[in-house]
Amino acid sequence: MDPFKGQGGIQMLLTAEQEAQHIVSSARNLRTQRLKLAKDEAEIEAAQYRSHMEDDYQKSLSETSGSSGSNVKRLDEETEAKIKNLKDSASKVSTQVVDMLLNYVTNIKV
């Protein structure tokens, strides 16, 4: 066996091992980059979803509170109209009620 041939074989093995380490290292770096990219994309998607849900919530909240405000206004107007009608009715019959009460109080049944 030739000693140089053995040295050449060892050198080839060392070179192959270094290339393999380089390939494995490149693969790990690429995997790390892809994982980081996937994480960043997931964070962006989650933020967009969160924003969308917040917008929907704010929209429904404003619709609910807006209709509540209009309901309160409508109920106030209806209440004022009913109070006015009752006062008008009371003022129309108040003289009749007073006359009727005076009649019962002043007439004595025997």
PDB file of N, CA and C in Angstrom:
ATOM      1  N   MET A   1       0.814  -1.160   0.000  1.00  0.00           N
ATOM      2  CA  MET A   1       0.000   0.000   0.000  1.00  0.00           C
ATOM      3  C   MET A   1       0.867   1.236   0.000  1.00  0.00           C
ATOM      4  N   ASP A   2       0.477   2.149  -0.808  1.00  0.00           N
ATOM      5  CA  ASP A   2       1.245   3.377  -0.978  1.00  0.00           C
ATOM      6  C   ASP A   2       0.835   4.371   0.096  1.00  0.00           C
ATOM      7  N   PRO A   3       1.827   4.971   0.850  1.00  0.00           N
ATOM      8  CA  PRO A   3       1.457   5.903   1.919  1.00  0.00           C
ATOM      9  C   PRO A   3       0.803   7.164   1.365  1.00  0.00           C
ATOM     10  N   PHE A   4       1.134   7.571   0.170  1.00  0.00           N
ATOM     11  CA  PHE A   4       0.508   8.782  -0.388  1.00  0.00           C
ATOM     12  C   PHE A   4      -0.939   8.524  -0.792  1.00  0.00           C
ATOM     13  N   LYS A   5      -1.177   7.308  -1.206  1.00  0.00           N
ATOM     14  CA  LYS A   5      -2.526   6.960  -1.601  1.00  0.00           C
ATOM     15  C   LYS A   5      -3.443   6.978  -0.369  1.00  0.00           C
ATOM     16  N   GLY A   6      -2.955   6.543   0.750  1.00  0.00           N
ATOM     17  CA  GLY A   6      -3.702   6.578   1.998  1.00  0.00           C
ATOM     18  C   GLY A   6      -3.954   8.000   2.435  1.00  0.00           C
ATOM     19  N   GLN A   7      -2.942   8.842   2.278  1.00  0.00           N
ATOM     20  CA  GLN A   7      -3.089  10.259   2.633  1.00  0.00           C
ATOM     21  C   GLN A   7      -4.115  10.927   1.727  1.00  0.00           C
ATOM     22  N   GLY A   8      -4.091  10.572   0.459  1.00  0.00           N
ATOM     23  CA  GLY A   8      -5.049  11.163  -0.480  1.00  0.00           C
ATOM     24  C   GLY A   8      -6.473  10.757  -0.156  1.00  0.00           C
ATOM     25  N   GLY A   9      -6.638   9.528   0.251  1.00  0.00           N
ATOM     26  CA  GLY A   9      -7.967   9.052   0.625  1.00  0.00           C
ATOM     27  C   GLY A   9      -8.489   9.750   1.867  1.00  0.00           C
ATOM     28  N   ILE A  10      -7.579   9.965   2.828  1.00  0.00           N
ATOM     29  CA  ILE A  10      -7.976  10.674   4.052  1.00  0.00           C
ATOM     30  C   ILE A  10      -8.344  12.116   3.720  1.00  0.00           C
ATOM     31  N   GLN A  11      -7.517  12.710   2.825  1.00  0.00           N
ATOM     32  CA  GLN A  11      -7.776  14.096   2.426  1.00  0.00           C
ATOM     33  C   GLN A  11      -9.137  14.187   1.727  1.00  0.00           C
ATOM     34  N   MET A  12      -9.444  13.210   0.899  1.00  0.00           N
ATOM     35  CA  MET A  12     -10.734  13.205   0.206  1.00  0.00           C
ATOM     36  C   MET A  12     -11.873  13.042   1.212  1.00  0.00           C
ATOM     37  N   LEU A  13     -11.671  12.219   2.205  1.00  0.00           N
ATOM     38  CA  LEU A  13     -12.694  12.050   3.231  1.00  0.00           C
ATOM     39  C   LEU A  13     -12.902  13.336   4.032  1.00  0.00           C
ATOM     40  N   LEU A  14     -11.787  14.012   4.379  1.00  0.00           N
ATOM     41  CA  LEU A  14     -11.899  15.283   5.108  1.00  0.00           C
ATOM     42  C   LEU A  14     -12.621  16.325   4.264  1.00  0.00           C
ATOM     43  N   THR A  15     -12.293  16.372   2.993  1.00  0.00           N
ATOM     44  CA  THR A  15     -12.950  17.326   2.088  1.00  0.00           C
ATOM     45  C   THR A  15     -14.433  16.997   1.972  1.00  0.00           C
ATOM     46  N   ALA A  16     -14.767  15.742   1.837  1.00  0.00           N
ATOM     47  CA  ALA A  16     -16.166  15.328   1.741  1.00  0.00           C
ATOM     48  C   ALA A  16     -16.916  15.657   3.034  1.00  0.00           C
ATOM     49  N   GLU A  17     -16.247  15.452   4.168  1.00  0.00           N
ATOM     50  CA  GLU A  17     -16.870  15.757   5.455  1.00  0.00           C
ATOM     51  C   GLU A  17     -17.124  17.261   5.576  1.00  0.00           C
ATOM     52  N   GLN A  18     -16.170  18.087   5.146  1.00  0.00           N
ATOM     53  CA  GLN A  18     -16.353  19.540   5.194  1.00  0.00           C
ATOM     54  C   GLN A  18     -17.503  19.969   4.281  1.00  0.00           C
ATOM     55  N   GLU A  19     -17.584  19.372   3.096  1.00  0.00           N
ATOM     56  CA  GLU A  19     -18.682  19.693   2.180  1.00  0.00           C
ATOM     57  C   GLU A  19     -20.021  19.282   2.793  1.00  0.00           C
ATOM     58  N   ALA A  20     -20.057  18.133   3.431  1.00  0.00           N
ATOM     59  CA  ALA A  20     -21.279  17.659   4.069  1.00  0.00           C
ATOM     60  C   ALA A  20     -21.686  18.613   5.205  1.00  0.00           C
ATOM     61  N   GLN A  21     -20.707  19.052   5.997  1.00  0.00           N
ATOM     62  CA  GLN A  21     -20.994  20.004   7.068  1.00  0.00           C
ATOM     63  C   GLN A  21     -21.512  21.315   6.485  1.00  0.00           C
ATOM     64  N   HIS A  22     -20.940  21.726   5.382  1.00  0.00           N
ATOM     65  CA  HIS A  22     -21.376  22.957   4.726  1.00  0.00           C
ATOM     66  C   HIS A  22     -22.817  22.806   4.226  1.00  0.00           C
ATOM     67  N   ILE A  23     -23.130  21.661   3.633  1.00  0.00           N
ATOM     68  CA  ILE A  23     -24.490  21.414   3.141  1.00  0.00           C
ATOM     69  C   ILE A  23     -25.480  21.374   4.301  1.00  0.00           C
ATOM     70  N   VAL A  24     -25.126  20.685   5.376  1.00  0.00           N
ATOM     71  CA  VAL A  24     -26.006  20.606   6.552  1.00  0.00           C
ATOM     72  C   VAL A  24     -26.199  21.986   7.161  1.00  0.00           C
ATOM     73  N   SER A  25     -25.113  22.743   7.260  1.00  0.00           N
ATOM     74  CA  SER A  25     -25.200  24.098   7.813  1.00  0.00           C
ATOM     75  C   SER A  25     -26.095  24.974   6.949  1.00  0.00           C
ATOM     76  N   SER A  26     -25.943  24.885   5.636  1.00  0.00           N
ATOM     77  CA  SER A  26     -26.791  25.667   4.716  1.00  0.00           C
ATOM     78  C   SER A  26     -28.253  25.266   4.873  1.00  0.00           C
ATOM     79  N   ALA A  27     -28.500  23.981   5.006  1.00  0.00           N
ATOM     80  CA  ALA A  27     -29.876  23.500   5.169  1.00  0.00           C
ATOM     81  C   ALA A  27     -30.480  24.014   6.475  1.00  0.00           C
ATOM     82  N   ARG A  28     -29.690  23.996   7.540  1.00  0.00           N
ATOM     83  CA  ARG A  28     -30.174  24.513   8.823  1.00  0.00           C
ATOM     84  C   ARG A  28     -30.476  26.006   8.728  1.00  0.00           C
ATOM     85  N   ASN A  29     -29.576  26.753   8.099  1.00  0.00           N
ATOM     86  CA  ASN A  29     -29.800  28.195   7.940  1.00  0.00           C
ATOM     87  C   ASN A  29     -31.056  28.461   7.119  1.00  0.00           C
ATOM     88  N   LEU A  30     -31.221  27.697   6.045  1.00  0.00           N
ATOM     89  CA  LEU A  30     -32.397  27.864   5.197  1.00  0.00           C
ATOM     90  C   LEU A  30     -33.668  27.528   5.973  1.00  0.00           C
ATOM     91  N   ARG A  31     -33.632  26.459   6.759  1.00  0.00           N
ATOM     92  CA  ARG A  31     -34.790  26.079   7.571  1.00  0.00           C
ATOM     93  C   ARG A  31     -35.104  27.166   8.597  1.00  0.00           C
ATOM     94  N   THR A  32     -34.069  27.713   9.219  1.00  0.00           N
ATOM     95  CA  THR A  32     -34.260  28.785  10.193  1.00  0.00           C
ATOM     96  C   THR A  32     -34.885  30.013   9.532  1.00  0.00           C
ATOM     97  N   GLN A  33     -34.425  30.343   8.342  1.00  0.00           N
ATOM     98  CA  GLN A  33     -34.977  31.491   7.614  1.00  0.00           C
ATOM     99  C   GLN A  33     -36.441  31.252   7.257  1.00  0.00           C
ATOM    100  N   ARG A  34     -36.754  30.038   6.803  1.00  0.00           N
ATOM    101  CA  ARG A  34     -38.138  29.726   6.447  1.00  0.00           C
ATOM    102  C   ARG A  34     -39.043  29.765   7.673  1.00  0.00           C
ATOM    103  N   LEU A  35     -38.543  29.251   8.797  1.00  0.00           N
ATOM    104  CA  LEU A  35     -39.329  29.303  10.026  1.00  0.00           C
ATOM    105  C   LEU A  35     -39.580  30.749  10.466  1.00  0.00           C
ATOM    106  N   LYS A  36     -38.544  31.574  10.358  1.00  0.00           N
ATOM    107  CA  LYS A  36     -38.687  32.989  10.729  1.00  0.00           C
ATOM    108  C   LYS A  36     -39.685  33.673   9.802  1.00  0.00           C
ATOM    109  N   LEU A  37     -39.599  33.378   8.507  1.00  0.00           N
ATOM    110  CA  LEU A  37     -40.522  33.960   7.539  1.00  0.00           C
ATOM    111  C   LEU A  37     -41.954  33.509   7.822  1.00  0.00           C
ATOM    112  N   ALA A  38     -42.136  32.232   8.113  1.00  0.00           N
ATOM    113  CA  ALA A  38     -43.467  31.722   8.433  1.00  0.00           C
ATOM    114  C   ALA A  38     -44.009  32.369   9.698  1.00  0.00           C
ATOM    115  N   LYS A  39     -43.154  32.559  10.691  1.00  0.00           N
ATOM    116  CA  LYS A  39     -43.571  33.201  11.942  1.00  0.00           C
ATOM    117  C   LYS A  39     -43.989  34.645  11.674  1.00  0.00           C
ATOM    118  N   ASP A  40     -43.191  35.366  10.885  1.00  0.00           N
ATOM    119  CA  ASP A  40     -43.523  36.758  10.560  1.00  0.00           C
ATOM    120  C   ASP A  40     -44.853  36.837   9.815  1.00  0.00           C
ATOM    121  N   GLU A  41     -45.051  35.941   8.842  1.00  0.00           N
ATOM    122  CA  GLU A  41     -46.308  35.938   8.097  1.00  0.00           C
ATOM    123  C   GLU A  41     -47.487  35.617   9.001  1.00  0.00           C
ATOM    124  N   ALA A  42     -47.296  34.693   9.923  1.00  0.00           N
ATOM    125  CA  ALA A  42     -48.367  34.335  10.863  1.00  0.00           C
ATOM    126  C   ALA A  42     -48.700  35.518  11.775  1.00  0.00           C
ATOM    127  N   GLU A  43     -47.682  36.235  12.220  1.00  0.00           N
ATOM    128  CA  GLU A  43     -47.920  37.406  13.073  1.00  0.00           C
ATOM    129  C   GLU A  43     -48.680  38.486  12.307  1.00  0.00           C
ATOM    130  N   ILE A  44     -48.320  38.690  11.044  1.00  0.00           N
ATOM    131  CA  ILE A  44     -49.014  39.690  10.224  1.00  0.00           C
ATOM    132  C   ILE A  44     -50.466  39.278  10.021  1.00  0.00           C
ATOM    133  N   GLU A  45     -50.676  37.998   9.717  1.00  0.00           N
ATOM    134  CA  GLU A  45     -52.035  37.508   9.505  1.00  0.00           C
ATOM    135  C   GLU A  45     -52.859  37.617  10.779  1.00  0.00           C
ATOM    136  N   ALA A  46     -52.265  37.307  11.912  1.00  0.00           N
ATOM    137  CA  ALA A  46     -52.969  37.412  13.195  1.00  0.00           C
ATOM    138  C   ALA A  46     -53.320  38.871  13.498  1.00  0.00           C
ATOM    139  N   ALA A  47     -52.392  39.783  13.200  1.00  0.00           N
ATOM    140  CA  ALA A  47     -52.655  41.206  13.434  1.00  0.00           C
ATOM    141  C   ALA A  47     -53.783  41.697  12.534  1.00  0.00           C
ATOM    142  N   GLN A  48     -53.803  41.252  11.285  1.00  0.00           N
ATOM    143  CA  GLN A  48     -54.874  41.647  10.376  1.00  0.00           C
ATOM    144  C   GLN A  48     -56.211  41.100  10.854  1.00  0.00           C
ATOM    145  N   TYR A  49     -56.217  39.855  11.283  1.00  0.00           N
ATOM    146  CA  TYR A  49     -57.449  39.254  11.787  1.00  0.00           C
ATOM    147  C   TYR A  49     -57.927  39.989  13.037  1.00  0.00           C
ATOM    148  N   ARG A  50     -56.997  40.279  13.941  1.00  0.00           N
ATOM    149  CA  ARG A  50     -57.337  41.009  15.169  1.00  0.00           C
ATOM    150  C   ARG A  50     -57.921  42.376  14.825  1.00  0.00           C
ATOM    151  N   SER A  51     -57.307  43.054  13.867  1.00  0.00           N
ATOM    152  CA  SER A  51     -57.781  44.370  13.445  1.00  0.00           C
ATOM    153  C   SER A  51     -59.181  44.266  12.839  1.00  0.00           C
ATOM    154  N   HIS A  52     -59.380  43.257  12.000  1.00  0.00           N
ATOM    155  CA  HIS A  52     -60.684  43.052  11.376  1.00  0.00           C
ATOM    156  C   HIS A  52     -61.755  42.795  12.435  1.00  0.00           C
ATOM    157  N   MET A  53     -61.444  41.950  13.398  1.00  0.00           N
ATOM    158  CA  MET A  53     -62.410  41.647  14.451  1.00  0.00           C
ATOM    159  C   MET A  53     -62.685  42.883  15.312  1.00  0.00           C
ATOM    160  N   GLU A  54     -61.670  43.676  15.580  1.00  0.00           N
ATOM    161  CA  GLU A  54     -61.851  44.910  16.356  1.00  0.00           C
ATOM    162  C   GLU A  54     -62.744  45.889  15.590  1.00  0.00           C
ATOM    163  N   ASP A  55     -62.521  46.004  14.266  1.00  0.00           N
ATOM    164  CA  ASP A  55     -63.366  46.876  13.451  1.00  0.00           C
ATOM    165  C   ASP A  55     -64.820  46.418  13.470  1.00  0.00           C
ATOM    166  N   ASP A  56     -65.031  45.103  13.337  1.00  0.00           N
ATOM    167  CA  ASP A  56     -66.392  44.575  13.395  1.00  0.00           C
ATOM    168  C   ASP A  56     -67.036  44.856  14.743  1.00  0.00           C
ATOM    169  N   TYR A  57     -66.261  44.696  15.806  1.00  0.00           N
ATOM    170  CA  TYR A  57     -66.785  44.950  17.147  1.00  0.00           C
ATOM    171  C   TYR A  57     -67.159  46.423  17.313  1.00  0.00           C
ATOM    172  N   GLN A  58     -66.261  47.302  16.886  1.00  0.00           N
ATOM    173  CA  GLN A  58     -66.546  48.737  17.001  1.00  0.00           C
ATOM    174  C   GLN A  58     -67.762  49.128  16.166  1.00  0.00           C
ATOM    175  N   LYS A  59     -67.885  48.522  14.981  1.00  0.00           N
ATOM    176  CA  LYS A  59     -69.032  48.815  14.113  1.00  0.00           C
ATOM    177  C   LYS A  59     -70.323  48.369  14.776  1.00  0.00           C
ATOM    178  N   SER A  60     -70.339  47.148  15.307  1.00  0.00           N
ATOM    179  CA  SER A  60     -71.553  46.658  15.965  1.00  0.00           C
ATOM    180  C   SER A  60     -71.852  47.460  17.223  1.00  0.00           C
ATOM    181  N   LEU A  61     -70.817  47.875  17.911  1.00  0.00           N
ATOM    182  CA  LEU A  61     -71.003  48.680  19.112  1.00  0.00           C
ATOM    183  C   LEU A  61     -71.618  50.030  18.764  1.00  0.00           C
ATOM    184  N   SER A  62     -71.123  50.665  17.696  1.00  0.00           N
ATOM    185  CA  SER A  62     -71.669  51.964  17.304  1.00  0.00           C
ATOM    186  C   SER A  62     -73.096  51.827  16.786  1.00  0.00           C
ATOM    187  N   GLU A  63     -73.389  50.714  16.068  1.00  0.00           N
ATOM    188  CA  GLU A  63     -74.755  50.505  15.602  1.00  0.00           C
ATOM    189  C   GLU A  63     -75.698  50.294  16.771  1.00  0.00           C
ATOM    190  N   THR A  64     -75.261  49.549  17.757  1.00  0.00           N
ATOM    191  CA  THR A  64     -76.101  49.278  18.919  1.00  0.00           C
ATOM    192  C   THR A  64     -76.334  50.547  19.723  1.00  0.00           C
ATOM    193  N   SER A  65     -75.269  51.285  19.977  1.00  0.00           N
ATOM    194  CA  SER A  65     -75.423  52.506  20.777  1.00  0.00           C
ATOM    195  C   SER A  65     -76.145  53.579  19.988  1.00  0.00           C
ATOM    196  N   GLY A  66     -75.954  53.606  18.681  1.00  0.00           N
ATOM    197  CA  GLY A  66     -76.640  54.590  17.845  1.00  0.00           C
ATOM    198  C   GLY A  66     -78.136  54.359  17.846  1.00  0.00           C
ATOM    199  N   SER A  67     -78.565  53.111  17.701  1.00  0.00           N
ATOM    200  CA  SER A  67     -79.988  52.813  17.701  1.00  0.00           C
ATOM    201  C   SER A  67     -80.564  53.034  19.095  1.00  0.00           C
ATOM    202  N   SER A  68     -79.770  52.793  20.109  1.00  0.00           N
ATOM    203  CA  SER A  68     -80.225  53.034  21.469  1.00  0.00           C
ATOM    204  C   SER A  68     -80.491  54.519  21.678  1.00  0.00           C
ATOM    205  N   GLY A  69     -79.607  55.351  21.170  1.00  0.00           N
ATOM    206  CA  GLY A  69     -79.793  56.795  21.291  1.00  0.00           C
ATOM    207  C   GLY A  69     -81.032  57.261  20.553  1.00  0.00           C
ATOM    208  N   SER A  70     -81.276  56.717  19.364  1.00  0.00           N
ATOM    209  CA  SER A  70     -82.464  57.105  18.609  1.00  0.00           C
ATOM    210  C   SER A  70     -83.722  56.577  19.292  1.00  0.00           C
ATOM    211  N   ASN A  71     -83.632  55.396  19.916  1.00  0.00           N
ATOM    212  CA  ASN A  71     -84.782  54.873  20.658  1.00  0.00           C
ATOM    213  C   ASN A  71     -85.113  55.756  21.847  1.00  0.00           C
ATOM    214  N   VAL A  72     -84.108  56.208  22.535  1.00  0.00           N
ATOM    215  CA  VAL A  72     -84.323  57.090  23.685  1.00  0.00           C
ATOM    216  C   VAL A  72     -84.977  58.384  23.228  1.00  0.00           C
ATOM    217  N   LYS A  73     -84.498  58.931  22.129  1.00  0.00           N
ATOM    218  CA  LYS A  73     -85.058  60.186  21.601  1.00  0.00           C
ATOM    219  C   LYS A  73     -86.517  59.971  21.193  1.00  0.00           C
ATOM    220  N   ARG A  74     -86.793  58.870  20.501  1.00  0.00           N
ATOM    221  CA  ARG A  74     -88.151  58.577  20.058  1.00  0.00           C
ATOM    222  C   ARG A  74     -89.077  58.390  21.263  1.00  0.00           C
ATOM    223  N   LEU A  75     -88.595  57.664  22.282  1.00  0.00           N
ATOM    224  CA  LEU A  75     -89.415  57.457  23.476  1.00  0.00           C
ATOM    225  C   LEU A  75     -89.677  58.765  24.218  1.00  0.00           C
ATOM    226  N   ASP A  76     -88.679  59.634  24.274  1.00  0.00           N
ATOM    227  CA  ASP A  76     -88.876  60.948  24.907  1.00  0.00           C
ATOM    228  C   ASP A  76     -89.947  61.753  24.178  1.00  0.00           C
ATOM    229  N   GLU A  77     -89.887  61.729  22.838  1.00  0.00           N
ATOM    230  CA  GLU A  77     -90.878  62.468  22.047  1.00  0.00           C
ATOM    231  C   GLU A  77     -92.276  61.901  22.261  1.00  0.00           C
ATOM    232  N   GLU A  78     -92.390  60.561  22.275  1.00  0.00           N
ATOM    233  CA  GLU A  78     -93.696  59.945  22.499  1.00  0.00           C
ATOM    234  C   GLU A  78     -94.221  60.267  23.891  1.00  0.00           C
ATOM    235  N   THR A  79     -93.358  60.241  24.873  1.00  0.00           N
ATOM    236  CA  THR A  79     -93.761  60.545  26.245  1.00  0.00           C
ATOM    237  C   THR A  79     -94.242  61.982  26.359  1.00  0.00           C
ATOM    238  N   GLU A  80     -93.507  62.907  25.757  1.00  0.00           N
ATOM    239  CA  GLU A  80     -93.918  64.314  25.788  1.00  0.00           C
ATOM    240  C   GLU A  80     -95.271  64.501  25.114  1.00  0.00           C
ATOM    241  N   ALA A  81     -95.502  63.806  23.985  1.00  0.00           N
ATOM    242  CA  ALA A  81     -96.784  63.917  23.291  1.00  0.00           C
ATOM    243  C   ALA A  81     -97.911  63.374  24.161  1.00  0.00           C
ATOM    244  N   LYS A  82     -97.696  62.258  24.837  1.00  0.00           N
ATOM    245  CA  LYS A  82     -98.733  61.681  25.698  1.00  0.00           C
ATOM    246  C   LYS A  82     -99.021  62.586  26.897  1.00  0.00           C
ATOM    247  N   ILE A  83     -97.977  63.165  27.464  1.00  0.00           N
ATOM    248  CA  ILE A  83     -98.166  64.094  28.599  1.00  0.00           C
ATOM    249  C   ILE A  83     -98.984  65.301  28.147  1.00  0.00           C
ATOM    250  N   LYS A  84     -98.674  65.813  26.970  1.00  0.00           N
ATOM    251  CA  LYS A  84     -99.411  66.974  26.437  1.00  0.00           C
ATOM    252  C   LYS A  84    -100.881  66.612  26.220  1.00  0.00           C
ATOM    253  N   ASN A  85    -101.133  65.417  25.651  1.00  0.00           N
ATOM    254  CA  ASN A  85    -102.522  64.981  25.442  1.00  0.00           C
ATOM    255  C   ASN A  85    -103.265  64.851  26.762  1.00  0.00           C
ATOM    256  N   LEU A  86    -102.597  64.286  27.783  1.00  0.00           N
ATOM    257  CA  LEU A  86    -103.243  64.152  29.089  1.00  0.00           C
ATOM    258  C   LEU A  86    -103.541  65.517  29.700  1.00  0.00           C
ATOM    259  N   LYS A  87    -102.621  66.463  29.577  1.00  0.00           N
ATOM    260  CA  LYS A  87    -102.857  67.803  30.126  1.00  0.00           C
ATOM    261  C   LYS A  87    -104.001  68.494  29.388  1.00  0.00           C
ATOM    262  N   ASP A  88    -104.046  68.327  28.064  1.00  0.00           N
ATOM    263  CA  ASP A  88    -105.142  68.925  27.292  1.00  0.00           C
ATOM    264  C   ASP A  88    -106.488  68.341  27.710  1.00  0.00           C
ATOM    265  N   SER A  89    -106.518  66.999  27.844  1.00  0.00           N
ATOM    266  CA  SER A  89    -107.766  66.338  28.265  1.00  0.00           C
ATOM    267  C   SER A  89    -108.166  66.788  29.659  1.00  0.00           C
ATOM    268  N   ALA A  90    -107.202  66.898  30.550  1.00  0.00           N
ATOM    269  CA  ALA A  90    -107.498  67.319  31.923  1.00  0.00           C
ATOM    270  C   ALA A  90    -108.015  68.752  31.952  1.00  0.00           C
ATOM    271  N   SER A  91    -107.450  69.626  31.147  1.00  0.00           N
ATOM    272  CA  SER A  91    -107.907  71.017  31.160  1.00  0.00           C
ATOM    273  C   SER A  91    -109.313  71.136  30.567  1.00  0.00           C
ATOM    274  N   LYS A  92    -109.678  70.267  29.627  1.00  0.00           N
ATOM    275  CA  LYS A  92    -111.020  70.308  29.033  1.00  0.00           C
ATOM    276  C   LYS A  92    -112.090  69.861  30.026  1.00  0.00           C
ATOM    277  N   VAL A  93    -111.793  68.861  30.812  1.00  0.00           N
ATOM    278  CA  VAL A  93    -112.807  68.314  31.717  1.00  0.00           C
ATOM    279  C   VAL A  93    -112.668  68.836  33.141  1.00  0.00           C
ATOM    280  N   SER A  94    -111.690  69.636  33.418  1.00  0.00           N
ATOM    281  CA  SER A  94    -111.494  70.088  34.800  1.00  0.00           C
ATOM    282  C   SER A  94    -112.672  70.920  35.296  1.00  0.00           C
ATOM    283  N   THR A  95    -113.232  71.745  34.457  1.00  0.00           N
ATOM    284  CA  THR A  95    -114.394  72.549  34.895  1.00  0.00           C
ATOM    285  C   THR A  95    -115.591  71.640  35.169  1.00  0.00           C
ATOM    286  N   GLN A  96    -115.762  70.623  34.360  1.00  0.00           N
ATOM    287  CA  GLN A  96    -116.877  69.687  34.569  1.00  0.00           C
ATOM    288  C   GLN A  96    -116.680  68.907  35.871  1.00  0.00           C
ATOM    289  N   VAL A  97    -115.456  68.511  36.144  1.00  0.00           N
ATOM    290  CA  VAL A  97    -115.167  67.764  37.367  1.00  0.00           C
ATOM    291  C   VAL A  97    -115.415  68.652  38.587  1.00  0.00           C
ATOM    292  N   VAL A  98    -114.988  69.896  38.522  1.00  0.00           N
ATOM    293  CA  VAL A  98    -115.199  70.829  39.641  1.00  0.00           C
ATOM    294  C   VAL A  98    -116.678  71.042  39.863  1.00  0.00           C
ATOM    295  N   ASP A  99    -117.443  71.232  38.782  1.00  0.00           N
ATOM    296  CA  ASP A  99    -118.890  71.422  38.923  1.00  0.00           C
ATOM    297  C   ASP A  99    -119.556  70.191  39.521  1.00  0.00           C
ATOM    298  N   MET A 100    -119.131  69.007  39.059  1.00  0.00           N
ATOM    299  CA  MET A 100    -119.712  67.774  39.577  1.00  0.00           C
ATOM    300  C   MET A 100    -119.395  67.613  41.068  1.00  0.00           C
ATOM    301  N   LEU A 101    -118.180  67.913  41.474  1.00  0.00           N
ATOM    302  CA  LEU A 101    -117.805  67.797  42.881  1.00  0.00           C
ATOM    303  C   LEU A 101    -118.594  68.798  43.734  1.00  0.00           C
ATOM    304  N   LEU A 102    -118.713  70.018  43.248  1.00  0.00           N
ATOM    305  CA  LEU A 102    -119.495  71.019  43.994  1.00  0.00           C
ATOM    306  C   LEU A 102    -120.956  70.602  44.114  1.00  0.00           C
ATOM    307  N   ASN A 103    -121.481  70.011  43.070  1.00  0.00           N
ATOM    308  CA  ASN A 103    -122.869  69.559  43.089  1.00  0.00           C
ATOM    309  C   ASN A 103    -123.060  68.470  44.141  1.00  0.00           C
ATOM    310  N   TYR A 104    -122.157  67.508  44.209  1.00  0.00           N
ATOM    311  CA  TYR A 104    -122.289  66.435  45.211  1.00  0.00           C
ATOM    312  C   TYR A 104    -122.076  66.953  46.624  1.00  0.00           C
ATOM    313  N   VAL A 105    -121.193  67.927  46.784  1.00  0.00           N
ATOM    314  CA  VAL A 105    -120.905  68.430  48.105  1.00  0.00           C
ATOM    315  C   VAL A 105    -122.058  69.331  48.601  1.00  0.00           C
ATOM    316  N   THR A 106    -122.597  70.112  47.725  1.00  0.00           N
ATOM    317  CA  THR A 106    -123.617  71.078  48.165  1.00  0.00           C
ATOM    318  C   THR A 106    -125.026  70.470  48.242  1.00  0.00           C
ATOM    319  N   ASN A 107    -125.314  69.426  47.510  1.00  0.00           N
ATOM    320  CA  ASN A 107    -126.649  68.792  47.572  1.00  0.00           C
ATOM    321  C   ASN A 107    -126.691  67.803  48.714  1.00  0.00           C
ATOM    322  N   ILE A 108    -127.681  67.943  49.537  1.00  0.00           N
ATOM    323  CA  ILE A 108    -127.833  67.054  50.685  1.00  0.00           C
ATOM    324  C   ILE A 108    -129.027  66.138  50.393  1.00  0.00           C
ATOM    325  N   LYS A 109    -128.773  64.862  50.513  1.00  0.00           N
ATOM    326  CA  LYS A 109    -129.846  63.891  50.321  1.00  0.00           C
ATOM    327  C   LYS A 109    -130.543  63.633  51.650  1.00  0.00           C
ATOM    328  N   VAL A 110    -131.817  63.644  51.573  1.00  0.00           N
ATOM    329  CA  VAL A 110    -132.581  63.454  52.793  1.00  0.00           C
ATOM    330  C   VAL A 110    -133.230  62.103  52.836  1.00  0.00           C
TER     331      VAL A 110
END
